[in-house]
């Protein structure tokens, strides 16, 4: 049986920057029993953040490497359901897309530990959500 995980933007940024949390995420990513998903919205947000920090050329290289790695399954998301999820949890659309994917795919959503305080009430707003912080 395969384990399903959703990587939020915070986790992808940890990977891109080569942090300890990013290395922990890579272990999850590369384990053959795991399937890793993320959303198109998260990938677009990743490009935006990386371009702002590194410039467009480096962001494009990083994103291309991510997509070409084939470790991720990038899913289209229904924006109305993302909006509903965002409203329910008082979230922005990016983490809401990770939560929505986790719910429809029965997966564990993974966030970086640096956002733990920001998302401390997720278990209250989404009691059936499987959540993990690196």
Protein backbone atom coordinates (compact mmCIF):
# COMPACT_ATOMS: atom_id res chain seq x y z
CA UNK A 1 0.00 0.00 0.00
CA UNK A 2 1.26 3.45 -0.87
CA UNK A 3 1.30 6.37 1.52
CA UNK A 4 -0.11 9.58 0.12
CA UNK A 5 1.29 12.96 1.08
CA UNK A 6 0.52 16.52 0.04
CA UNK A 7 3.45 18.92 0.15
CA UNK A 8 2.47 22.49 0.95
CA UNK A 9 4.37 25.49 -0.38
CA UNK A 10 6.30 25.77 2.89
CA UNK A 11 7.74 22.26 2.39
CA UNK A 12 8.66 22.90 -1.25
CA UNK A 13 10.49 26.06 -0.17
CA UNK A 14 12.40 24.08 2.46
CA UNK A 15 13.47 21.63 -0.28
CA UNK A 16 14.43 24.43 -2.67
CA UNK A 17 16.59 26.08 -0.01
CA UNK A 18 18.22 22.83 1.14
CA UNK A 19 17.31 23.20 4.81
CA UNK A 20 17.22 20.38 7.39
CA UNK A 21 13.45 20.30 7.04
CA UNK A 22 13.93 20.15 3.29
CA UNK A 23 16.23 17.15 3.67
CA UNK A 24 13.60 15.44 5.83
CA UNK A 25 11.02 16.13 3.12
CA UNK A 26 13.35 14.63 0.51
CA UNK A 27 13.48 11.38 2.49
CA UNK A 28 9.69 11.21 2.36
CA UNK A 29 9.73 12.20 -1.29
CA UNK A 30 12.22 9.53 -2.37
CA UNK A 31 10.77 6.61 -0.41
CA UNK A 32 9.32 4.22 -3.00
CA UNK A 33 6.24 3.49 -0.90
CA UNK A 34 5.20 7.16 -0.93
CA UNK A 35 3.24 9.14 -3.50
CA UNK A 36 3.65 12.89 -3.27
CA UNK A 37 1.08 15.33 -4.56
CA UNK A 38 0.91 19.08 -4.77
CA UNK A 39 -1.40 21.48 -6.57
CA UNK A 40 -0.90 23.68 -9.61
CA UNK A 41 -1.66 26.63 -7.36
CA UNK A 42 1.17 25.66 -4.99
CA UNK A 43 3.57 25.24 -7.91
CA UNK A 44 2.61 28.68 -9.24
CA UNK A 45 3.12 30.21 -5.78
CA UNK A 46 6.48 28.44 -5.52
CA UNK A 47 7.61 30.03 -8.77
CA UNK A 48 6.48 33.45 -7.56
CA UNK A 49 8.37 33.19 -4.25
CA UNK A 50 11.51 31.76 -5.86
CA UNK A 51 11.51 34.40 -8.62
CA UNK A 52 11.26 37.10 -5.99
CA UNK A 53 14.15 35.61 -3.98
CA UNK A 54 16.40 34.24 -6.74
CA UNK A 55 15.33 35.86 -9.98
CA UNK A 56 13.25 34.46 -12.81
CA UNK A 57 16.00 32.40 -14.43
CA UNK A 58 16.89 30.50 -11.24
CA UNK A 59 13.22 30.08 -10.34
CA UNK A 60 12.52 28.61 -13.77
CA UNK A 61 15.45 26.19 -13.40
CA UNK A 62 14.31 25.13 -9.95
CA UNK A 63 10.72 24.63 -11.06
CA UNK A 64 11.78 22.71 -14.16
CA UNK A 65 13.93 20.40 -12.02
CA UNK A 66 10.99 19.84 -9.67
CA UNK A 67 8.60 18.98 -12.50
CA UNK A 68 11.10 16.85 -14.40
CA UNK A 69 12.00 14.86 -11.27
CA UNK A 70 8.67 13.03 -11.59
CA UNK A 71 8.60 12.64 -7.80
CA UNK A 72 5.52 14.83 -7.65
CA UNK A 73 2.07 14.46 -9.06
CA UNK A 74 0.80 17.96 -9.73
CA UNK A 75 -2.98 18.09 -9.49
CA UNK A 76 -5.41 20.60 -10.89
CA UNK A 77 -7.63 22.03 -8.19
CA UNK A 78 -11.22 23.21 -8.26
CA UNK A 79 -10.95 26.86 -7.26
CA UNK A 80 -14.49 27.07 -5.86
CA UNK A 81 -13.72 24.23 -3.44
CA UNK A 82 -10.41 25.90 -2.62
CA UNK A 83 -12.32 29.09 -1.81
CA UNK A 84 -14.72 27.14 0.41
CA UNK A 85 -11.81 25.49 2.21
CA UNK A 86 -10.07 28.85 2.60
CA UNK A 87 -13.23 30.39 4.02
CA UNK A 88 -13.83 27.52 6.45
CA UNK A 89 -10.31 27.66 7.84
CA UNK A 90 -9.69 31.40 7.46
CA UNK A 91 -6.74 30.60 5.16
CA UNK A 92 -5.17 31.92 2.02
CA UNK A 93 -5.76 29.90 -1.16
CA UNK A 94 -2.31 28.25 -1.21
CA UNK A 95 -2.55 26.29 2.07
CA UNK A 96 -6.26 25.77 1.40
CA UNK A 97 -5.37 23.97 -1.83
CA UNK A 98 -3.05 21.61 0.10
CA UNK A 99 -5.78 20.91 2.65
CA UNK A 100 -8.41 20.40 -0.04
CA UNK A 101 -6.16 17.93 -1.88
CA UNK A 102 -5.47 16.05 1.35
CA UNK A 103 -9.19 15.72 1.93
CA UNK A 104 -10.12 14.48 -1.54
CA UNK A 105 -7.11 12.16 -1.86
CA UNK A 106 -7.27 10.87 1.75
CA UNK A 107 -3.67 11.97 2.17
CA UNK A 108 -1.49 13.48 4.88
CA UNK A 109 -0.79 17.16 4.34
CA UNK A 110 2.72 18.20 5.30
CA UNK A 111 3.68 21.73 6.32
CA UNK A 112 7.04 23.06 7.39
CA UNK A 113 7.39 23.38 11.15
CA UNK A 114 8.03 27.10 10.74
CA UNK A 115 4.32 27.60 9.99
CA UNK A 116 3.07 25.45 12.89
CA UNK A 117 1.87 28.43 14.93
CA UNK A 118 0.07 29.91 11.93
CA UNK A 119 -1.87 26.69 11.39
CA UNK A 120 -2.34 25.63 15.00
CA UNK A 121 -6.15 25.51 14.70
CA UNK A 122 -6.34 23.31 11.61
CA UNK A 123 -7.37 20.26 13.64
CA UNK A 124 -10.30 22.27 15.02
CA UNK A 125 -11.42 23.62 11.64
CA UNK A 126 -10.79 20.30 9.84
CA UNK A 127 -11.17 17.52 12.44
CA UNK A 128 -10.60 14.68 9.95
CA UNK A 129 -7.50 16.24 8.42
CA UNK A 130 -4.31 14.21 8.63
CA UNK A 131 -1.57 16.75 9.23
CA UNK A 132 2.15 16.60 9.79
CA UNK A 133 4.77 19.27 10.45
CA UNK A 134 8.44 18.79 9.57
